[in-house]
Amino acid sequence: MRVLIVEDEAELAAVIARVLDRSGFAVDMAATASDGLRLQAARDYEVLVLDRTLPDGSGDDLCRRVVGSGASTNVLMLTARDAVAERVAG
């Protein structure tokens, strides 16, 4: 199974990638929404691990674009936001 991690905090992305790799997943990483979108367009990922706050845009917008493209990618959203409304919006 191929997983794309889009997370701008390098240490967090590396930890997630290491755990997934040790579990047998093929992992690619991107630190920006634009790089994530480029990678997603180039290859089919079964799972997208997506930070909601990225330096060049919203993870929510990236998610909408991926889903709108017709990709059958499952999305797991990461957020440090703690308000219930923020989490529901994601």
PDB file of N, CA and C in Angstrom:
ATOM      1  N   MET A   1       0.848  -1.169   0.000  1.00  0.00           N
ATOM      2  CA  MET A   1       0.000   0.000   0.000  1.00  0.00           C
ATOM      3  C   MET A   1       0.894   1.232   0.000  1.00  0.00           C
ATOM      4  N   ARG A   2       0.544   2.208  -0.813  1.00  0.00           N
ATOM      5  CA  ARG A   2       1.326   3.435  -0.937  1.00  0.00           C
ATOM      6  C   ARG A   2       0.629   4.567  -0.200  1.00  0.00           C
ATOM      7  N   VAL A   3       1.418   5.286   0.630  1.00  0.00           N
ATOM      8  CA  VAL A   3       0.909   6.380   1.459  1.00  0.00           C
ATOM      9  C   VAL A   3       1.674   7.654   1.133  1.00  0.00           C
ATOM     10  N   LEU A   4       0.940   8.757   1.024  1.00  0.00           N
ATOM     11  CA  LEU A   4       1.552  10.074   0.856  1.00  0.00           C
ATOM     12  C   LEU A   4       1.315  10.867   2.132  1.00  0.00           C
ATOM     13  N   ILE A   5       2.407  11.344   2.727  1.00  0.00           N
ATOM     14  CA  ILE A   5       2.334  12.198   3.913  1.00  0.00           C
ATOM     15  C   ILE A   5       2.596  13.627   3.460  1.00  0.00           C
ATOM     16  N   VAL A   6       1.655  14.530   3.734  1.00  0.00           N
ATOM     17  CA  VAL A   6       1.845  15.947   3.435  1.00  0.00           C
ATOM     18  C   VAL A   6       1.841  16.670   4.778  1.00  0.00           C
ATOM     19  N   GLU A   7       3.037  16.982   5.247  1.00  0.00           N
ATOM     20  CA  GLU A   7       3.233  17.555   6.585  1.00  0.00           C
ATOM     21  C   GLU A   7       4.467  18.447   6.548  1.00  0.00           C
ATOM     22  N   ASP A   8       4.332  19.690   7.000  1.00  0.00           N
ATOM     23  CA  ASP A   8       5.449  20.625   6.936  1.00  0.00           C
ATOM     24  C   ASP A   8       6.394  20.539   8.136  1.00  0.00           C
ATOM     25  N   GLU A   9       6.007  19.888   9.201  1.00  0.00           N
ATOM     26  CA  GLU A   9       6.908  19.689  10.338  1.00  0.00           C
ATOM     27  C   GLU A   9       7.741  18.437  10.060  1.00  0.00           C
ATOM     28  N   ALA A  10       8.993  18.654   9.711  1.00  0.00           N
ATOM     29  CA  ALA A  10       9.860  17.571   9.232  1.00  0.00           C
ATOM     30  C   ALA A  10       9.995  16.421  10.224  1.00  0.00           C
ATOM     31  N   GLU A  11      10.154  16.730  11.499  1.00  0.00           N
ATOM     32  CA  GLU A  11      10.323  15.661  12.494  1.00  0.00           C
ATOM     33  C   GLU A  11       9.070  14.801  12.607  1.00  0.00           C
ATOM     34  N   LEU A  12       7.912  15.430  12.631  1.00  0.00           N
ATOM     35  CA  LEU A  12       6.658  14.682  12.707  1.00  0.00           C
ATOM     36  C   LEU A  12       6.468  13.822  11.461  1.00  0.00           C
ATOM     37  N   ALA A  13       6.735  14.387  10.295  1.00  0.00           N
ATOM     38  CA  ALA A  13       6.609  13.629   9.050  1.00  0.00           C
ATOM     39  C   ALA A  13       7.546  12.420   9.053  1.00  0.00           C
ATOM     40  N   ALA A  14       8.767  12.616   9.542  1.00  0.00           N
ATOM     41  CA  ALA A  14       9.742  11.522   9.570  1.00  0.00           C
ATOM     42  C   ALA A  14       9.301  10.407  10.514  1.00  0.00           C
ATOM     43  N   VAL A  15       8.745  10.764  11.662  1.00  0.00           N
ATOM     44  CA  VAL A  15       8.273   9.748  12.610  1.00  0.00           C
ATOM     45  C   VAL A  15       7.129   8.941  11.992  1.00  0.00           C
ATOM     46  N   ILE A  16       6.172   9.631  11.390  1.00  0.00           N
ATOM     47  CA  ILE A  16       5.034   8.946  10.755  1.00  0.00           C
ATOM     48  C   ILE A  16       5.543   8.033   9.643  1.00  0.00           C
ATOM     49  N   ALA A  17       6.442   8.556   8.824  1.00  0.00           N
ATOM     50  CA  ALA A  17       6.981   7.771   7.710  1.00  0.00           C
ATOM     51  C   ALA A  17       7.719   6.537   8.214  1.00  0.00           C
ATOM     52  N   ARG A  18       8.506   6.701   9.262  1.00  0.00           N
ATOM     53  CA  ARG A  18       9.279   5.576   9.807  1.00  0.00           C
ATOM     54  C   ARG A  18       8.354   4.471  10.325  1.00  0.00           C
ATOM     55  N   VAL A  19       7.321   4.848  11.049  1.00  0.00           N
ATOM     56  CA  VAL A  19       6.372   3.860  11.577  1.00  0.00           C
ATOM     57  C   VAL A  19       5.661   3.142  10.438  1.00  0.00           C
ATOM     58  N   LEU A  20       5.217   3.893   9.445  1.00  0.00           N
ATOM     59  CA  LEU A  20       4.523   3.271   8.310  1.00  0.00           C
ATOM     60  C   LEU A  20       5.456   2.369   7.513  1.00  0.00           C
ATOM     61  N   ASP A  21       6.687   2.824   7.302  1.00  0.00           N
ATOM     62  CA  ASP A  21       7.668   2.027   6.563  1.00  0.00           C
ATOM     63  C   ASP A  21       7.951   0.706   7.279  1.00  0.00           C
ATOM     64  N   ARG A  22       8.123   0.764   8.576  1.00  0.00           N
ATOM     65  CA  ARG A  22       8.371  -0.450   9.366  1.00  0.00           C
ATOM     66  C   ARG A  22       7.175  -1.396   9.345  1.00  0.00           C
ATOM     67  N   SER A  23       6.004  -0.844   9.063  1.00  0.00           N
ATOM     68  CA  SER A  23       4.788  -1.663   8.979  1.00  0.00           C
ATOM     69  C   SER A  23       4.540  -2.180   7.571  1.00  0.00           C
ATOM     70  N   GLY A  24       5.461  -1.894   6.665  1.00  0.00           N
ATOM     71  CA  GLY A  24       5.368  -2.441   5.321  1.00  0.00           C
ATOM     72  C   GLY A  24       4.731  -1.544   4.279  1.00  0.00           C
ATOM     73  N   PHE A  25       4.478  -0.289   4.619  1.00  0.00           N
ATOM     74  CA  PHE A  25       3.885   0.640   3.658  1.00  0.00           C
ATOM     75  C   PHE A  25       4.974   1.318   2.839  1.00  0.00           C
ATOM     76  N   ALA A  26       4.675   1.625   1.593  1.00  0.00           N
ATOM     77  CA  ALA A  26       5.546   2.451   0.768  1.00  0.00           C
ATOM     78  C   ALA A  26       5.138   3.898   1.031  1.00  0.00           C
ATOM     79  N   VAL A  27       6.096   4.745   1.407  1.00  0.00           N
ATOM     80  CA  VAL A  27       5.778   6.094   1.862  1.00  0.00           C
ATOM     81  C   VAL A  27       6.512   7.141   1.045  1.00  0.00           C
ATOM     82  N   ASP A  28       5.772   8.162   0.621  1.00  0.00           N
ATOM     83  CA  ASP A  28       6.341   9.359   0.017  1.00  0.00           C
ATOM     84  C   ASP A  28       5.945  10.530   0.912  1.00  0.00           C
ATOM     85  N   MET A  29       6.767  11.596   0.877  1.00  0.00           N
ATOM     86  CA  MET A  29       6.490  12.750   1.724  1.00  0.00           C
ATOM     87  C   MET A  29       6.568  14.036   0.924  1.00  0.00           C
ATOM     88  N   ALA A  30       5.745  15.003   1.348  1.00  0.00           N
ATOM     89  CA  ALA A  30       5.768  16.351   0.799  1.00  0.00           C
ATOM     90  C   ALA A  30       5.587  17.315   1.963  1.00  0.00           C
ATOM     91  N   ALA A  31       6.198  18.502   1.848  1.00  0.00           N
ATOM     92  CA  ALA A  31       6.105  19.488   2.924  1.00  0.00           C
ATOM     93  C   ALA A  31       5.178  20.647   2.583  1.00  0.00           C
ATOM     94  N   THR A  32       4.664  20.668   1.353  1.00  0.00           N
ATOM     95  CA  THR A  32       3.770  21.753   0.933  1.00  0.00           C
ATOM     96  C   THR A  32       2.555  21.176   0.205  1.00  0.00           C
ATOM     97  N   ALA A  33       1.510  21.964   0.152  1.00  0.00           N
ATOM     98  CA  ALA A  33       0.305  21.552  -0.570  1.00  0.00           C
ATOM     99  C   ALA A  33       0.599  21.370  -2.056  1.00  0.00           C
ATOM    100  N   SER A  34       1.392  22.269  -2.622  1.00  0.00           N
ATOM    101  CA  SER A  34       1.685  22.163  -4.056  1.00  0.00           C
ATOM    102  C   SER A  34       2.481  20.906  -4.376  1.00  0.00           C
ATOM    103  N   ASP A  35       3.454  20.554  -3.545  1.00  0.00           N
ATOM    104  CA  ASP A  35       4.203  19.316  -3.767  1.00  0.00           C
ATOM    105  C   ASP A  35       3.318  18.093  -3.557  1.00  0.00           C
ATOM    106  N   GLY A  36       2.446  18.150  -2.559  1.00  0.00           N
ATOM    107  CA  GLY A  36       1.515  17.053  -2.323  1.00  0.00           C
ATOM    108  C   GLY A  36       0.589  16.833  -3.504  1.00  0.00           C
ATOM    109  N   LEU A  37       0.076  17.921  -4.052  1.00  0.00           N
ATOM    110  CA  LEU A  37      -0.816  17.820  -5.207  1.00  0.00           C
ATOM    111  C   LEU A  37      -0.075  17.253  -6.419  1.00  0.00           C
ATOM    112  N   ARG A  38       1.163  17.695  -6.617  1.00  0.00           N
ATOM    113  CA  ARG A  38       1.970  17.196  -7.739  1.00  0.00           C
ATOM    114  C   ARG A  38       2.222  15.698  -7.603  1.00  0.00           C
ATOM    115  N   LEU A  39       2.584  15.248  -6.406  1.00  0.00           N
ATOM    116  CA  LEU A  39       2.823  13.821  -6.194  1.00  0.00           C
ATOM    117  C   LEU A  39       1.542  13.014  -6.358  1.00  0.00           C
ATOM    118  N   GLN A  40       0.442  13.521  -5.809  1.00  0.00           N
ATOM    119  CA  GLN A  40      -0.845  12.826  -5.920  1.00  0.00           C
ATOM    120  C   GLN A  40      -1.260  12.684  -7.381  1.00  0.00           C
ATOM    121  N   ALA A  41      -1.012  13.697  -8.178  1.00  0.00           N
ATOM    122  CA  ALA A  41      -1.389  13.645  -9.592  1.00  0.00           C
ATOM    123  C   ALA A  41      -0.533  12.652 -10.371  1.00  0.00           C
ATOM    124  N   ALA A  42       0.691  12.427  -9.908  1.00  0.00           N
ATOM    125  CA  ALA A  42       1.632  11.552 -10.617  1.00  0.00           C
ATOM    126  C   ALA A  42       1.462  10.078 -10.289  1.00  0.00           C
ATOM    127  N   ARG A  43       0.828   9.779  -9.165  1.00  0.00           N
ATOM    128  CA  ARG A  43       0.755   8.387  -8.731  1.00  0.00           C
ATOM    129  C   ARG A  43      -0.490   8.179  -7.883  1.00  0.00           C
ATOM    130  N   ASP A  44      -1.023   6.988  -7.927  1.00  0.00           N
ATOM    131  CA  ASP A  44      -2.200   6.666  -7.123  1.00  0.00           C
ATOM    132  C   ASP A  44      -1.766   6.251  -5.720  1.00  0.00           C
ATOM    133  N   TYR A  45      -2.274   6.963  -4.732  1.00  0.00           N
ATOM    134  CA  TYR A  45      -2.017   6.626  -3.329  1.00  0.00           C
ATOM    135  C   TYR A  45      -3.295   6.068  -2.727  1.00  0.00           C
ATOM    136  N   GLU A  46      -3.138   5.050  -1.914  1.00  0.00           N
ATOM    137  CA  GLU A  46      -4.298   4.500  -1.207  1.00  0.00           C
ATOM    138  C   GLU A  46      -4.682   5.384  -0.027  1.00  0.00           C
ATOM    139  N   VAL A  47      -3.664   6.027   0.582  1.00  0.00           N
ATOM    140  CA  VAL A  47      -3.903   6.861   1.755  1.00  0.00           C
ATOM    141  C   VAL A  47      -3.104   8.156   1.648  1.00  0.00           C
ATOM    142  N   LEU A  48      -3.755   9.235   2.034  1.00  0.00           N
ATOM    143  CA  LEU A  48      -3.129  10.547   2.128  1.00  0.00           C
ATOM    144  C   LEU A  48      -3.205  10.980   3.592  1.00  0.00           C
ATOM    145  N   VAL A  49      -2.043  11.148   4.241  1.00  0.00           N
ATOM    146  CA  VAL A  49      -1.976  11.660   5.605  1.00  0.00           C
ATOM    147  C   VAL A  49      -1.686  13.147   5.455  1.00  0.00           C
ATOM    148  N   LEU A  50      -2.631  13.973   5.851  1.00  0.00           N
ATOM    149  CA  LEU A  50      -2.616  15.379   5.459  1.00  0.00           C
ATOM    150  C   LEU A  50      -2.725  16.316   6.656  1.00  0.00           C
ATOM    151  N   ASP A  51      -1.761  17.221   6.756  1.00  0.00           N
ATOM    152  CA  ASP A  51      -1.803  18.290   7.749  1.00  0.00           C
ATOM    153  C   ASP A  51      -2.791  19.350   7.258  1.00  0.00           C
ATOM    154  N   ARG A  52      -3.613  19.874   8.133  1.00  0.00           N
ATOM    155  CA  ARG A  52      -4.593  20.885   7.735  1.00  0.00           C
ATOM    156  C   ARG A  52      -3.963  22.247   7.518  1.00  0.00           C
ATOM    157  N   THR A  53      -2.797  22.506   8.140  1.00  0.00           N
ATOM    158  CA  THR A  53      -2.149  23.807   8.024  1.00  0.00           C
ATOM    159  C   THR A  53      -0.795  23.629   7.351  1.00  0.00           C
ATOM    160  N   LEU A  54      -0.699  24.084   6.111  1.00  0.00           N
ATOM    161  CA  LEU A  54       0.532  23.954   5.336  1.00  0.00           C
ATOM    162  C   LEU A  54       1.039  25.341   4.971  1.00  0.00           C
ATOM    163  N   PRO A  55       2.328  25.481   4.694  1.00  0.00           N
ATOM    164  CA  PRO A  55       2.896  26.816   4.459  1.00  0.00           C
ATOM    165  C   PRO A  55       2.364  27.512   3.209  1.00  0.00           C
ATOM    166  N   ASP A  56       1.905  26.756   2.229  1.00  0.00           N
ATOM    167  CA  ASP A  56       1.449  27.385   0.987  1.00  0.00           C
ATOM    168  C   ASP A  56      -0.038  27.190   0.724  1.00  0.00           C
ATOM    169  N   GLY A  57      -0.782  26.795   1.739  1.00  0.00           N
ATOM    170  CA  GLY A  57      -2.216  26.638   1.538  1.00  0.00           C
ATOM    171  C   GLY A  57      -2.844  25.748   2.585  1.00  0.00           C
ATOM    172  N   SER A  58      -4.119  25.576   2.434  1.00  0.00           N
ATOM    173  CA  SER A  58      -4.898  24.788   3.380  1.00  0.00           C
ATOM    174  C   SER A  58      -4.897  23.314   2.995  1.00  0.00           C
ATOM    175  N   GLY A  59      -4.696  22.468   3.989  1.00  0.00           N
ATOM    176  CA  GLY A  59      -4.828  21.034   3.759  1.00  0.00           C
ATOM    177  C   GLY A  59      -6.250  20.678   3.369  1.00  0.00           C
ATOM    178  N   ASP A  60      -7.228  21.457   3.871  1.00  0.00           N
ATOM    179  CA  ASP A  60      -8.625  21.236   3.492  1.00  0.00           C
ATOM    180  C   ASP A  60      -8.808  21.429   1.991  1.00  0.00           C
ATOM    181  N   ASP A  61      -8.189  22.495   1.450  1.00  0.00           N
ATOM    182  CA  ASP A  61      -8.289  22.748   0.008  1.00  0.00           C
ATOM    183  C   ASP A  61      -7.621  21.637  -0.792  1.00  0.00           C
ATOM    184  N   LEU A  62      -6.472  21.180  -0.321  1.00  0.00           N
ATOM    185  CA  LEU A  62      -5.781  20.081  -0.995  1.00  0.00           C
ATOM    186  C   LEU A  62      -6.654  18.835  -0.995  1.00  0.00           C
ATOM    187  N   CYS A  63      -7.283  18.551   0.124  1.00  0.00           N
ATOM    188  CA  CYS A  63      -8.177  17.397   0.222  1.00  0.00           C
ATOM    189  C   CYS A  63      -9.321  17.515  -0.785  1.00  0.00           C
ATOM    190  N   ARG A  64      -9.929  18.703  -0.860  1.00  0.00           N
ATOM    191  CA  ARG A  64     -11.022  18.918  -1.827  1.00  0.00           C
ATOM    192  C   ARG A  64     -10.559  18.682  -3.257  1.00  0.00           C
ATOM    193  N   ARG A  65      -9.356  19.144  -3.573  1.00  0.00           N
ATOM    194  CA  ARG A  65      -8.840  18.968  -4.941  1.00  0.00           C
ATOM    195  C   ARG A  65      -8.581  17.500  -5.256  1.00  0.00           C
ATOM    196  N   VAL A  66      -8.014  16.777  -4.300  1.00  0.00           N
ATOM    197  CA  VAL A  66      -7.741  15.354  -4.512  1.00  0.00           C
ATOM    198  C   VAL A  66      -9.047  14.592  -4.692  1.00  0.00           C
ATOM    199  N   VAL A  67      -9.995  14.817  -3.788  1.00  0.00           N
ATOM    200  CA  VAL A  67     -11.290  14.129  -3.883  1.00  0.00           C
ATOM    201  C   VAL A  67     -12.012  14.549  -5.162  1.00  0.00           C
ATOM    202  N   GLY A  68     -11.965  15.834  -5.501  1.00  0.00           N
ATOM    203  CA  GLY A  68     -12.619  16.332  -6.706  1.00  0.00           C
ATOM    204  C   GLY A  68     -12.019  15.794  -7.995  1.00  0.00           C
ATOM    205  N   SER A  69     -10.773  15.334  -7.926  1.00  0.00           N
ATOM    206  CA  SER A  69     -10.123  14.789  -9.123  1.00  0.00           C
ATOM    207  C   SER A  69     -10.620  13.388  -9.461  1.00  0.00           C
ATOM    208  N   GLY A  70     -11.415  12.818  -8.546  1.00  0.00           N
ATOM    209  CA  GLY A  70     -11.922  11.474  -8.772  1.00  0.00           C
ATOM    210  C   GLY A  70     -11.046  10.387  -8.174  1.00  0.00           C
ATOM    211  N   ALA A  71      -9.970  10.781  -7.508  1.00  0.00           N
ATOM    212  CA  ALA A  71      -9.086   9.798  -6.883  1.00  0.00           C
ATOM    213  C   ALA A  71      -9.833   9.055  -5.781  1.00  0.00           C
ATOM    214  N   SER A  72      -9.525   7.787  -5.630  1.00  0.00           N
ATOM    215  CA  SER A  72     -10.179   6.989  -4.588  1.00  0.00           C
ATOM    216  C   SER A  72      -9.323   6.923  -3.320  1.00  0.00           C
ATOM    217  N   THR A  73      -8.520   7.943  -3.109  1.00  0.00           N
ATOM    218  CA  THR A  73      -7.603   8.011  -1.983  1.00  0.00           C
ATOM    219  C   THR A  73      -8.363   8.237  -0.676  1.00  0.00           C
ATOM    220  N   ASN A  74      -8.013   7.458   0.350  1.00  0.00           N
ATOM    221  CA  ASN A  74      -8.533   7.692   1.698  1.00  0.00           C
ATOM    222  C   ASN A  74      -7.690   8.783   2.336  1.00  0.00           C
ATOM    223  N   VAL A  75      -8.316   9.662   3.127  1.00  0.00           N
ATOM    224  CA  VAL A  75      -7.610  10.798   3.710  1.00  0.00           C
ATOM    225  C   VAL A  75      -7.694  10.750   5.228  1.00  0.00           C
ATOM    226  N   LEU A  76      -6.536  10.896   5.868  1.00  0.00           N
ATOM    227  CA  LEU A  76      -6.441  11.033   7.318  1.00  0.00           C
ATOM    228  C   LEU A  76      -5.910  12.431   7.580  1.00  0.00           C
ATOM    229  N   MET A  77      -6.710  13.271   8.227  1.00  0.00           N
ATOM    230  CA  MET A  77      -6.333  14.657   8.496  1.00  0.00           C
ATOM    231  C   MET A  77      -5.632  14.759   9.845  1.00  0.00           C
ATOM    232  N   LEU A  78      -4.543  15.515   9.877  1.00  0.00           N
ATOM    233  CA  LEU A  78      -3.834  15.816  11.116  1.00  0.00           C
ATOM    234  C   LEU A  78      -4.054  17.285  11.447  1.00  0.00           C
ATOM    235  N   THR A  79      -4.256  17.576  12.718  1.00  0.00           N
ATOM    236  CA  THR A  79      -4.400  18.968  13.116  1.00  0.00           C
ATOM    237  C   THR A  79      -4.020  19.161  14.571  1.00  0.00           C
ATOM    238  N   ALA A  80      -3.459  20.313  14.858  1.00  0.00           N
ATOM    239  CA  ALA A  80      -3.185  20.702  16.234  1.00  0.00           C
ATOM    240  C   ALA A  80      -4.302  21.602  16.751  1.00  0.00           C
ATOM    241  N   ARG A  81      -5.241  21.910  15.879  1.00  0.00           N
ATOM    242  CA  ARG A  81      -6.363  22.756  16.283  1.00  0.00           C
ATOM    243  C   ARG A  81      -7.229  21.996  17.275  1.00  0.00           C
ATOM    244  N   ASP A  82      -7.638  22.685  18.335  1.00  0.00           N
ATOM    245  CA  ASP A  82      -8.360  21.974  19.383  1.00  0.00           C
ATOM    246  C   ASP A  82      -9.838  22.326  19.482  1.00  0.00           C
ATOM    247  N   ALA A  83     -10.290  23.343  18.793  1.00  0.00           N
ATOM    248  CA  ALA A  83     -11.708  23.703  18.849  1.00  0.00           C
ATOM    249  C   ALA A  83     -12.534  22.658  18.102  1.00  0.00           C
ATOM    250  N   VAL A  84     -13.644  22.268  18.673  1.00  0.00           N
ATOM    251  CA  VAL A  84     -14.506  21.256  18.046  1.00  0.00           C
ATOM    252  C   VAL A  84     -14.911  21.699  16.648  1.00  0.00           C
ATOM    253  N   ALA A  85     -15.294  22.944  16.478  1.00  0.00           N
ATOM    254  CA  ALA A  85     -15.712  23.451  15.166  1.00  0.00           C
ATOM    255  C   ALA A  85     -14.605  23.309  14.127  1.00  0.00           C
ATOM    256  N   GLU A  86     -13.365  23.540  14.547  1.00  0.00           N
ATOM    257  CA  GLU A  86     -12.214  23.395  13.629  1.00  0.00           C
ATOM    258  C   GLU A  86     -12.051  21.934  13.205  1.00  0.00           C
ATOM    259  N   ARG A  87     -12.179  21.035  14.151  1.00  0.00           N
ATOM    260  CA  ARG A  87     -12.033  19.610  13.838  1.00  0.00           C
ATOM    261  C   ARG A  87     -13.168  19.122  12.956  1.00  0.00           C
ATOM    262  N   VAL A  88     -14.368  19.571  13.214  1.00  0.00           N
ATOM    263  CA  VAL A  88     -15.530  19.178  12.389  1.00  0.00           C
ATOM    264  C   VAL A  88     -15.368  19.720  10.986  1.00  0.00           C
ATOM    265  N   ALA A  89     -14.886  20.941  10.849  1.00  0.00           N
ATOM    266  CA  ALA A  89     -14.677  21.534   9.518  1.00  0.00           C
ATOM    267  C   ALA A  89     -13.728  20.685   8.690  1.00  0.00           C
ATOM    268  N   GLY A  90     -12.717  20.127   9.344  1.00  0.00           N
ATOM    269  CA  GLY A  90     -11.767  19.264   8.650  1.00  0.00           C
ATOM    270  C   GLY A  90     -12.393  17.985   8.219  1.00  0.00           C
TER     271      GLY A  90
END
